[in-house]
Amino acid sequence: MEQDKKTVAELTIYYKKQRLTSLIFDTQQTADKCCETLNMLFNKKGEKEFSFSGEIKTVYSGSRVVEEIKDWEDGKIEPRGTLFEMIKILDRLN
């Protein structure tokens, strides 16, 4: 199951320390190139006012979510990642 996991890179752009937008890229390398290009466009003021953060995220289809929840319920996999953080919170509510 691990080998068929699809991931994307999320690049979040901040302006004056407030979130401006997030962009999703097919690979981390593409996100890195975008960040490099944007940084080249900034003058000194822009460098101080804009910042970036990045994260690799898993792409889930409906069937993938159901499959991972079932595998977790059956004890086949340990909770990890965003989906399982949500499941642990929901589990505590019941």
PDB file of N, CA and C in Angstrom:
ATOM      1  N   MET A   1       0.817  -1.184   0.000  1.00  0.00           N
ATOM      2  CA  MET A   1       0.000   0.000   0.000  1.00  0.00           C
ATOM      3  C   MET A   1       0.871   1.263   0.000  1.00  0.00           C
ATOM      4  N   GLU A   2       2.011   1.260   0.678  1.00  0.00           N
ATOM      5  CA  GLU A   2       2.859   2.439   0.751  1.00  0.00           C
ATOM      6  C   GLU A   2       3.330   2.908  -0.625  1.00  0.00           C
ATOM      7  N   GLN A   3       3.615   1.959  -1.543  1.00  0.00           N
ATOM      8  CA  GLN A   3       4.160   2.346  -2.825  1.00  0.00           C
ATOM      9  C   GLN A   3       3.164   3.088  -3.705  1.00  0.00           C
ATOM     10  N   ASP A   4       1.856   2.958  -3.472  1.00  0.00           N
ATOM     11  CA  ASP A   4       0.882   3.658  -4.306  1.00  0.00           C
ATOM     12  C   ASP A   4       0.427   4.981  -3.695  1.00  0.00           C
ATOM     13  N   LYS A   5       1.096   5.426  -2.672  1.00  0.00           N
ATOM     14  CA  LYS A   5       0.734   6.680  -2.003  1.00  0.00           C
ATOM     15  C   LYS A   5       1.213   7.861  -2.845  1.00  0.00           C
ATOM     16  N   LYS A   6       0.287   8.765  -3.194  1.00  0.00           N
ATOM     17  CA  LYS A   6       0.624   9.949  -3.983  1.00  0.00           C
ATOM     18  C   LYS A   6       0.766  11.144  -3.046  1.00  0.00           C
ATOM     19  N   THR A   7       1.807  11.919  -3.267  1.00  0.00           N
ATOM     20  CA  THR A   7       2.025  13.107  -2.449  1.00  0.00           C
ATOM     21  C   THR A   7       2.148  14.345  -3.339  1.00  0.00           C
ATOM     22  N   VAL A   8       1.897  15.481  -2.740  1.00  0.00           N
ATOM     23  CA  VAL A   8       2.070  16.777  -3.389  1.00  0.00           C
ATOM     24  C   VAL A   8       2.816  17.685  -2.427  1.00  0.00           C
ATOM     25  N   ALA A   9       3.336  18.775  -2.970  1.00  0.00           N
ATOM     26  CA  ALA A   9       4.042  19.752  -2.143  1.00  0.00           C
ATOM     27  C   ALA A   9       3.180  20.994  -2.022  1.00  0.00           C
ATOM     28  N   GLU A  10       2.950  21.416  -0.790  1.00  0.00           N
ATOM     29  CA  GLU A  10       2.199  22.647  -0.538  1.00  0.00           C
ATOM     30  C   GLU A  10       3.185  23.742  -0.167  1.00  0.00           C
ATOM     31  N   LEU A  11       3.128  24.839  -0.891  1.00  0.00           N
ATOM     32  CA  LEU A  11       3.957  26.005  -0.608  1.00  0.00           C
ATOM     33  C   LEU A  11       3.033  27.110  -0.112  1.00  0.00           C
ATOM     34  N   THR A  12       3.224  27.537   1.130  1.00  0.00           N
ATOM     35  CA  THR A  12       2.406  28.604   1.698  1.00  0.00           C
ATOM     36  C   THR A  12       3.214  29.894   1.673  1.00  0.00           C
ATOM     37  N   ILE A  13       2.569  30.945   1.190  1.00  0.00           N
ATOM     38  CA  ILE A  13       3.219  32.247   1.065  1.00  0.00           C
ATOM     39  C   ILE A  13       2.600  33.194   2.096  1.00  0.00           C
ATOM     40  N   TYR A  14       3.474  33.856   2.843  1.00  0.00           N
ATOM     41  CA  TYR A  14       3.055  34.798   3.879  1.00  0.00           C
ATOM     42  C   TYR A  14       3.480  36.209   3.471  1.00  0.00           C
ATOM     43  N   TYR A  15       2.622  37.166   3.739  1.00  0.00           N
ATOM     44  CA  TYR A  15       2.928  38.572   3.532  1.00  0.00           C
ATOM     45  C   TYR A  15       2.762  39.272   4.876  1.00  0.00           C
ATOM     46  N   LYS A  16       3.817  39.882   5.332  1.00  0.00           N
ATOM     47  CA  LYS A  16       3.841  40.515   6.656  1.00  0.00           C
ATOM     48  C   LYS A  16       3.365  39.545   7.740  1.00  0.00           C
ATOM     49  N   LYS A  17       3.866  38.317   7.665  1.00  0.00           N
ATOM     50  CA  LYS A  17       3.628  37.234   8.624  1.00  0.00           C
ATOM     51  C   LYS A  17       2.181  36.736   8.665  1.00  0.00           C
ATOM     52  N   GLN A  18       1.360  37.140   7.698  1.00  0.00           N
ATOM     53  CA  GLN A  18       0.000  36.623   7.604  1.00  0.00           C
ATOM     54  C   GLN A  18      -0.102  35.785   6.336  1.00  0.00           C
ATOM     55  N   ARG A  19      -0.812  34.686   6.439  1.00  0.00           N
ATOM     56  CA  ARG A  19      -0.952  33.779   5.302  1.00  0.00           C
ATOM     57  C   ARG A  19      -1.625  34.493   4.135  1.00  0.00           C
ATOM     58  N   LEU A  20      -0.950  34.504   3.004  1.00  0.00           N
ATOM     59  CA  LEU A  20      -1.497  35.116   1.800  1.00  0.00           C
ATOM     60  C   LEU A  20      -2.207  34.057   0.954  1.00  0.00           C
ATOM     61  N   THR A  21      -1.508  32.953   0.693  1.00  0.00           N
ATOM     62  CA  THR A  21      -2.079  31.881  -0.124  1.00  0.00           C
ATOM     63  C   THR A  21      -1.240  30.624   0.015  1.00  0.00           C
ATOM     64  N   SER A  22      -1.796  29.517  -0.450  1.00  0.00           N
ATOM     65  CA  SER A  22      -1.045  28.267  -0.560  1.00  0.00           C
ATOM     66  C   SER A  22      -1.180  27.765  -1.984  1.00  0.00           C
ATOM     67  N   LEU A  23      -0.089  27.240  -2.501  1.00  0.00           N
ATOM     68  CA  LEU A  23      -0.065  26.664  -3.836  1.00  0.00           C
ATOM     69  C   LEU A  23       0.297  25.195  -3.708  1.00  0.00           C
ATOM     70  N   ILE A  24      -0.318  24.362  -4.537  1.00  0.00           N
ATOM     71  CA  ILE A  24      -0.045  22.925  -4.523  1.00  0.00           C
ATOM     72  C   ILE A  24       0.721  22.559  -5.787  1.00  0.00           C
ATOM     73  N   PHE A  25       1.820  21.824  -5.625  1.00  0.00           N
ATOM     74  CA  PHE A  25       2.658  21.412  -6.749  1.00  0.00           C
ATOM     75  C   PHE A  25       2.778  19.893  -6.779  1.00  0.00           C
ATOM     76  N   ASP A  26       3.051  19.364  -7.955  1.00  0.00           N
ATOM     77  CA  ASP A  26       3.149  17.912  -8.118  1.00  0.00           C
ATOM     78  C   ASP A  26       4.384  17.329  -7.457  1.00  0.00           C
ATOM     79  N   THR A  27       5.444  18.121  -7.328  1.00  0.00           N
ATOM     80  CA  THR A  27       6.664  17.631  -6.677  1.00  0.00           C
ATOM     81  C   THR A  27       7.268  18.717  -5.798  1.00  0.00           C
ATOM     82  N   GLN A  28       8.102  18.299  -4.876  1.00  0.00           N
ATOM     83  CA  GLN A  28       8.805  19.248  -4.018  1.00  0.00           C
ATOM     84  C   GLN A  28       9.760  20.099  -4.849  1.00  0.00           C
ATOM     85  N   GLN A  29      10.372  19.511  -5.870  1.00  0.00           N
ATOM     86  CA  GLN A  29      11.307  20.245  -6.712  1.00  0.00           C
ATOM     87  C   GLN A  29      10.606  21.404  -7.430  1.00  0.00           C
ATOM     88  N   THR A  30       9.371  21.182  -7.887  1.00  0.00           N
ATOM     89  CA  THR A  30       8.620  22.245  -8.548  1.00  0.00           C
ATOM     90  C   THR A  30       8.315  23.368  -7.564  1.00  0.00           C
ATOM     91  N   ALA A  31       7.920  23.015  -6.352  1.00  0.00           N
ATOM     92  CA  ALA A  31       7.648  24.023  -5.322  1.00  0.00           C
ATOM     93  C   ALA A  31       8.918  24.800  -4.985  1.00  0.00           C
ATOM     94  N   ASP A  32      10.037  24.104  -4.872  1.00  0.00           N
ATOM     95  CA  ASP A  32      11.307  24.763  -4.577  1.00  0.00           C
ATOM     96  C   ASP A  32      11.683  25.756  -5.673  1.00  0.00           C
ATOM     97  N   LYS A  33      11.486  25.373  -6.932  1.00  0.00           N
ATOM     98  CA  LYS A  33      11.793  26.264  -8.064  1.00  0.00           C
ATOM     99  C   LYS A  33      10.906  27.500  -8.033  1.00  0.00           C
ATOM    100  N   CYS A  34       9.627  27.323  -7.717  1.00  0.00           N
ATOM    101  CA  CYS A  34       8.706  28.458  -7.623  1.00  0.00           C
ATOM    102  C   CYS A  34       9.169  29.417  -6.529  1.00  0.00           C
ATOM    103  N   CYS A  35       9.536  28.874  -5.395  1.00  0.00           N
ATOM    104  CA  CYS A  35      10.010  29.686  -4.263  1.00  0.00           C
ATOM    105  C   CYS A  35      11.283  30.437  -4.655  1.00  0.00           C
ATOM    106  N   GLU A  36      12.213  29.768  -5.311  1.00  0.00           N
ATOM    107  CA  GLU A  36      13.451  30.407  -5.761  1.00  0.00           C
ATOM    108  C   GLU A  36      13.156  31.554  -6.727  1.00  0.00           C
ATOM    109  N   THR A  37      12.244  31.302  -7.679  1.00  0.00           N
ATOM    110  CA  THR A  37      11.887  32.318  -8.673  1.00  0.00           C
ATOM    111  C   THR A  37      11.257  33.536  -8.013  1.00  0.00           C
ATOM    112  N   LEU A  38      10.324  33.297  -7.087  1.00  0.00           N
ATOM    113  CA  LEU A  38       9.690  34.414  -6.387  1.00  0.00           C
ATOM    114  C   LEU A  38      10.713  35.219  -5.595  1.00  0.00           C
ATOM    115  N   ASN A  39      11.627  34.524  -4.936  1.00  0.00           N
ATOM    116  CA  ASN A  39      12.663  35.212  -4.153  1.00  0.00           C
ATOM    117  C   ASN A  39      13.541  36.093  -5.032  1.00  0.00           C
ATOM    118  N   MET A  40      13.793  35.670  -6.267  1.00  0.00           N
ATOM    119  CA  MET A  40      14.613  36.457  -7.189  1.00  0.00           C
ATOM    120  C   MET A  40      13.908  37.756  -7.576  1.00  0.00           C
ATOM    121  N   LEU A  41      12.582  37.771  -7.530  1.00  0.00           N
ATOM    122  CA  LEU A  41      11.816  38.948  -7.926  1.00  0.00           C
ATOM    123  C   LEU A  41      11.733  40.012  -6.843  1.00  0.00           C
ATOM    124  N   PHE A  42      12.005  39.626  -5.594  1.00  0.00           N
ATOM    125  CA  PHE A  42      11.859  40.564  -4.477  1.00  0.00           C
ATOM    126  C   PHE A  42      13.035  41.525  -4.377  1.00  0.00           C
ATOM    127  N   ASN A  43      12.707  42.763  -4.020  1.00  0.00           N
ATOM    128  CA  ASN A  43      13.747  43.709  -3.632  1.00  0.00           C
ATOM    129  C   ASN A  43      13.948  43.537  -2.121  1.00  0.00           C
ATOM    130  N   LYS A  44      14.727  44.393  -1.494  1.00  0.00           N
ATOM    131  CA  LYS A  44      15.003  44.261  -0.045  1.00  0.00           C
ATOM    132  C   LYS A  44      13.724  44.324   0.790  1.00  0.00           C
ATOM    133  N   LYS A  45      12.806  45.223   0.421  1.00  0.00           N
ATOM    134  CA  LYS A  45      11.544  45.324   1.157  1.00  0.00           C
ATOM    135  C   LYS A  45      10.746  44.032   1.017  1.00  0.00           C
ATOM    136  N   GLY A  46      10.681  43.485  -0.192  1.00  0.00           N
ATOM    137  CA  GLY A  46       9.962  42.242  -0.429  1.00  0.00           C
ATOM    138  C   GLY A  46      10.539  41.081   0.352  1.00  0.00           C
ATOM    139  N   GLU A  47      11.859  41.033   0.439  1.00  0.00           N
ATOM    140  CA  GLU A  47      12.517  39.964   1.199  1.00  0.00           C
ATOM    141  C   GLU A  47      12.116  39.995   2.666  1.00  0.00           C
ATOM    142  N   LYS A  48      11.880  41.193   3.206  1.00  0.00           N
ATOM    143  CA  LYS A  48      11.499  41.329   4.612  1.00  0.00           C
ATOM    144  C   LYS A  48      10.013  41.031   4.832  1.00  0.00           C
ATOM    145  N   GLU A  49       9.187  41.328   3.827  1.00  0.00           N
ATOM    146  CA  GLU A  49       7.740  41.230   4.015  1.00  0.00           C
ATOM    147  C   GLU A  49       7.140  39.905   3.575  1.00  0.00           C
ATOM    148  N   PHE A  50       7.832  39.162   2.728  1.00  0.00           N
ATOM    149  CA  PHE A  50       7.327  37.869   2.257  1.00  0.00           C
ATOM    150  C   PHE A  50       8.139  36.742   2.869  1.00  0.00           C
ATOM    151  N   SER A  51       7.462  35.661   3.217  1.00  0.00           N
ATOM    152  CA  SER A  51       8.141  34.453   3.685  1.00  0.00           C
ATOM    153  C   SER A  51       7.366  33.240   3.186  1.00  0.00           C
ATOM    154  N   PHE A  52       7.988  32.077   3.316  1.00  0.00           N
ATOM    155  CA  PHE A  52       7.418  30.846   2.772  1.00  0.00           C
ATOM    156  C   PHE A  52       7.543  29.716   3.787  1.00  0.00           C
ATOM    157  N   SER A  53       6.635  28.755   3.677  1.00  0.00           N
ATOM    158  CA  SER A  53       6.792  27.487   4.375  1.00  0.00           C
ATOM    159  C   SER A  53       6.298  26.402   3.430  1.00  0.00           C
ATOM    160  N   GLY A  54       6.774  25.202   3.636  1.00  0.00           N
ATOM    161  CA  GLY A  54       6.394  24.109   2.756  1.00  0.00           C
ATOM    162  C   GLY A  54       6.084  22.850   3.528  1.00  0.00           C
ATOM    163  N   GLU A  55       5.271  22.011   2.909  1.00  0.00           N
ATOM    164  CA  GLU A  55       4.901  20.745   3.537  1.00  0.00           C
ATOM    165  C   GLU A  55       4.552  19.736   2.443  1.00  0.00           C
ATOM    166  N   ILE A  56       4.918  18.495   2.657  1.00  0.00           N
ATOM    167  CA  ILE A  56       4.539  17.415   1.754  1.00  0.00           C
ATOM    168  C   ILE A  56       3.261  16.805   2.309  1.00  0.00           C
ATOM    169  N   LYS A  57       2.252  16.675   1.445  1.00  0.00           N
ATOM    170  CA  LYS A  57       0.957  16.155   1.874  1.00  0.00           C
ATOM    171  C   LYS A  57       0.543  14.977   1.005  1.00  0.00           C
ATOM    172  N   THR A  58      -0.195  14.063   1.611  1.00  0.00           N
ATOM    173  CA  THR A  58      -0.723  12.907   0.899  1.00  0.00           C
ATOM    174  C   THR A  58      -2.022  13.284   0.209  1.00  0.00           C
ATOM    175  N   VAL A  59      -2.189  12.797  -1.017  1.00  0.00           N
ATOM    176  CA  VAL A  59      -3.430  12.994  -1.759  1.00  0.00           C
ATOM    177  C   VAL A  59      -4.299  11.768  -1.504  1.00  0.00           C
ATOM    178  N   TYR A  60      -5.528  11.994  -1.063  1.00  0.00           N
ATOM    179  CA  TYR A  60      -6.449  10.903  -0.753  1.00  0.00           C
ATOM    180  C   TYR A  60      -7.608  10.881  -1.737  1.00  0.00           C
ATOM    181  N   SER A  61      -7.933   9.702  -2.229  1.00  0.00           N
ATOM    182  CA  SER A  61      -9.185   9.498  -2.954  1.00  0.00           C
ATOM    183  C   SER A  61     -10.191   8.965  -1.934  1.00  0.00           C
ATOM    184  N   GLY A  62     -11.458   8.953  -2.298  1.00  0.00           N
ATOM    185  CA  GLY A  62     -12.470   8.418  -1.388  1.00  0.00           C
ATOM    186  C   GLY A  62     -12.180   6.980  -1.006  1.00  0.00           C
ATOM    187  N   SER A  63     -11.798   6.165  -1.992  1.00  0.00           N
ATOM    188  CA  SER A  63     -11.519   4.750  -1.705  1.00  0.00           C
ATOM    189  C   SER A  63     -10.282   4.606  -0.824  1.00  0.00           C
ATOM    190  N   ARG A  64      -9.308   5.489  -1.010  1.00  0.00           N
ATOM    191  CA  ARG A  64      -8.089   5.443  -0.207  1.00  0.00           C
ATOM    192  C   ARG A  64      -8.402   5.743   1.269  1.00  0.00           C
ATOM    193  N   VAL A  65      -9.264   6.725   1.513  1.00  0.00           N
ATOM    194  CA  VAL A  65      -9.649   7.073   2.881  1.00  0.00           C
ATOM    195  C   VAL A  65     -10.334   5.875   3.536  1.00  0.00           C
ATOM    196  N   VAL A  66     -11.288   5.277   2.845  1.00  0.00           N
ATOM    197  CA  VAL A  66     -12.016   4.123   3.384  1.00  0.00           C
ATOM    198  C   VAL A  66     -11.052   2.973   3.666  1.00  0.00           C
ATOM    199  N   GLU A  67     -10.138   2.723   2.725  1.00  0.00           N
ATOM    200  CA  GLU A  67      -9.159   1.637   2.879  1.00  0.00           C
ATOM    201  C   GLU A  67      -8.258   1.867   4.100  1.00  0.00           C
ATOM    202  N   GLU A  68      -7.758   3.080   4.272  1.00  0.00           N
ATOM    203  CA  GLU A  68      -6.878   3.350   5.409  1.00  0.00           C
ATOM    204  C   GLU A  68      -7.622   3.274   6.734  1.00  0.00           C
ATOM    205  N   ILE A  69      -8.864   3.749   6.777  1.00  0.00           N
ATOM    206  CA  ILE A  69      -9.649   3.659   8.017  1.00  0.00           C
ATOM    207  C   ILE A  69      -9.907   2.197   8.360  1.00  0.00           C
ATOM    208  N   LYS A  70     -10.262   1.394   7.353  1.00  0.00           N
ATOM    209  CA  LYS A  70     -10.498  -0.042   7.586  1.00  0.00           C
ATOM    210  C   LYS A  70      -9.219  -0.723   8.079  1.00  0.00           C
ATOM    211  N   ASP A  71      -8.088  -0.444   7.433  1.00  0.00           N
ATOM    212  CA  ASP A  71      -6.816  -1.040   7.868  1.00  0.00           C
ATOM    213  C   ASP A  71      -6.474  -0.614   9.297  1.00  0.00           C
ATOM    214  N   TRP A  72      -6.765   0.631   9.666  1.00  0.00           N
ATOM    215  CA  TRP A  72      -6.517   1.093  11.027  1.00  0.00           C
ATOM    216  C   TRP A  72      -7.424   0.365  12.002  1.00  0.00           C
ATOM    217  N   GLU A  73      -8.728   0.229  11.661  1.00  0.00           N
ATOM    218  CA  GLU A  73      -9.667  -0.478  12.535  1.00  0.00           C
ATOM    219  C   GLU A  73      -9.270  -1.937  12.710  1.00  0.00           C
ATOM    220  N   ASP A  74      -8.726  -2.554  11.662  1.00  0.00           N
ATOM    221  CA  ASP A  74      -8.311  -3.962  11.712  1.00  0.00           C
ATOM    222  C   ASP A  74      -6.949  -4.141  12.369  1.00  0.00           C
ATOM    223  N   GLY A  75      -6.311  -3.042  12.777  1.00  0.00           N
ATOM    224  CA  GLY A  75      -5.007  -3.113  13.431  1.00  0.00           C
ATOM    225  C   GLY A  75      -3.860  -3.377  12.486  1.00  0.00           C
ATOM    226  N   LYS A  76      -4.060  -3.190  11.182  1.00  0.00           N
ATOM    227  CA  LYS A  76      -3.005  -3.457  10.200  1.00  0.00           C
ATOM    228  C   LYS A  76      -2.006  -2.310  10.081  1.00  0.00           C
ATOM    229  N   ILE A  77      -2.418  -1.084  10.395  1.00  0.00           N
ATOM    230  CA  ILE A  77      -1.520   0.064  10.314  1.00  0.00           C
ATOM    231  C   ILE A  77      -1.697   0.934  11.546  1.00  0.00           C
ATOM    232  N   GLU A  78      -0.645   1.661  11.876  1.00  0.00           N
ATOM    233  CA  GLU A  78      -0.670   2.595  12.999  1.00  0.00           C
ATOM    234  C   GLU A  78      -1.113   3.966  12.502  1.00  0.00           C
ATOM    235  N   PRO A  79      -1.848   4.689  13.314  1.00  0.00           N
ATOM    236  CA  PRO A  79      -2.253   6.043  12.918  1.00  0.00           C
ATOM    237  C   PRO A  79      -1.051   6.948  12.697  1.00  0.00           C
ATOM    238  N   ARG A  80      -1.033   7.661  11.545  1.00  0.00           N
ATOM    239  CA  ARG A  80      -0.039   8.700  11.282  1.00  0.00           C
ATOM    240  C   ARG A  80      -0.569   9.628  10.196  1.00  0.00           C
ATOM    241  N   GLY A  81      -0.023  10.809  10.171  1.00  0.00           N
ATOM    242  CA  GLY A  81      -0.426  11.778   9.168  1.00  0.00           C
ATOM    243  C   GLY A  81      -1.710  12.504   9.542  1.00  0.00           C
ATOM    244  N   THR A  82      -2.101  13.419   8.685  1.00  0.00           N
ATOM    245  CA  THR A  82      -3.256  14.277   8.938  1.00  0.00           C
ATOM    246  C   THR A  82      -4.538  13.491   9.106  1.00  0.00           C
ATOM    247  N   LEU A  83      -4.780  12.515   8.241  1.00  0.00           N
ATOM    248  CA  LEU A  83      -6.000  11.719   8.322  1.00  0.00           C
ATOM    249  C   LEU A  83      -6.119  11.037   9.675  1.00  0.00           C
ATOM    250  N   PHE A  84      -5.035  10.478  10.158  1.00  0.00           N
ATOM    251  CA  PHE A  84      -5.105   9.759  11.415  1.00  0.00           C
ATOM    252  C   PHE A  84      -5.127  10.689  12.623  1.00  0.00           C
ATOM    253  N   GLU A  85      -4.579  11.860  12.508  1.00  0.00           N
ATOM    254  CA  GLU A  85      -4.733  12.841  13.588  1.00  0.00           C
ATOM    255  C   GLU A  85      -6.214  13.175  13.741  1.00  0.00           C
ATOM    256  N   MET A  86      -6.913  13.312  12.618  1.00  0.00           N
ATOM    257  CA  MET A  86      -8.349  13.586  12.646  1.00  0.00           C
ATOM    258  C   MET A  86      -9.103  12.399  13.252  1.00  0.00           C
ATOM    259  N   ILE A  87      -8.740  11.184  12.876  1.00  0.00           N
ATOM    260  CA  ILE A  87      -9.403   9.988  13.399  1.00  0.00           C
ATOM    261  C   ILE A  87      -9.212   9.895  14.915  1.00  0.00           C
ATOM    262  N   LYS A  88      -8.004  10.175  15.408  1.00  0.00           N
ATOM    263  CA  LYS A  88      -7.763  10.104  16.851  1.00  0.00           C
ATOM    264  C   LYS A  88      -8.624  11.111  17.602  1.00  0.00           C
ATOM    265  N   ILE A  89      -8.774  12.299  17.049  1.00  0.00           N
ATOM    266  CA  ILE A  89      -9.625  13.314  17.693  1.00  0.00           C
ATOM    267  C   ILE A  89     -11.071  12.856  17.696  1.00  0.00           C
ATOM    268  N   LEU A  90     -11.561  12.349  16.564  1.00  0.00           N
ATOM    269  CA  LEU A  90     -12.935  11.866  16.485  1.00  0.00           C
ATOM    270  C   LEU A  90     -13.155  10.704  17.438  1.00  0.00           C
ATOM    271  N   ASP A  91     -12.158   9.826  17.538  1.00  0.00           N
ATOM    272  CA  ASP A  91     -12.264   8.667  18.425  1.00  0.00           C
ATOM    273  C   ASP A  91     -12.411   9.103  19.887  1.00  0.00           C
ATOM    274  N   ARG A  92     -11.714  10.171  20.269  1.00  0.00           N
ATOM    275  CA  ARG A  92     -11.806  10.676  21.648  1.00  0.00           C
ATOM    276  C   ARG A  92     -13.166  11.298  21.936  1.00  0.00           C
ATOM    277  N   LEU A  93     -13.860  11.759  20.910  1.00  0.00           N
ATOM    278  CA  LEU A  93     -15.157  12.388  21.085  1.00  0.00           C
ATOM    279  C   LEU A  93     -16.275  11.374  21.301  1.00  0.00           C
ATOM    280  N   ASN A  94     -16.038  10.135  20.923  1.00  0.00           N
ATOM    281  CA  ASN A  94     -17.068   9.080  21.064  1.00  0.00           C
ATOM    282  C   ASN A  94     -16.859   8.243  22.284  1.00  0.00           C
TER     283      ASN A  94
END
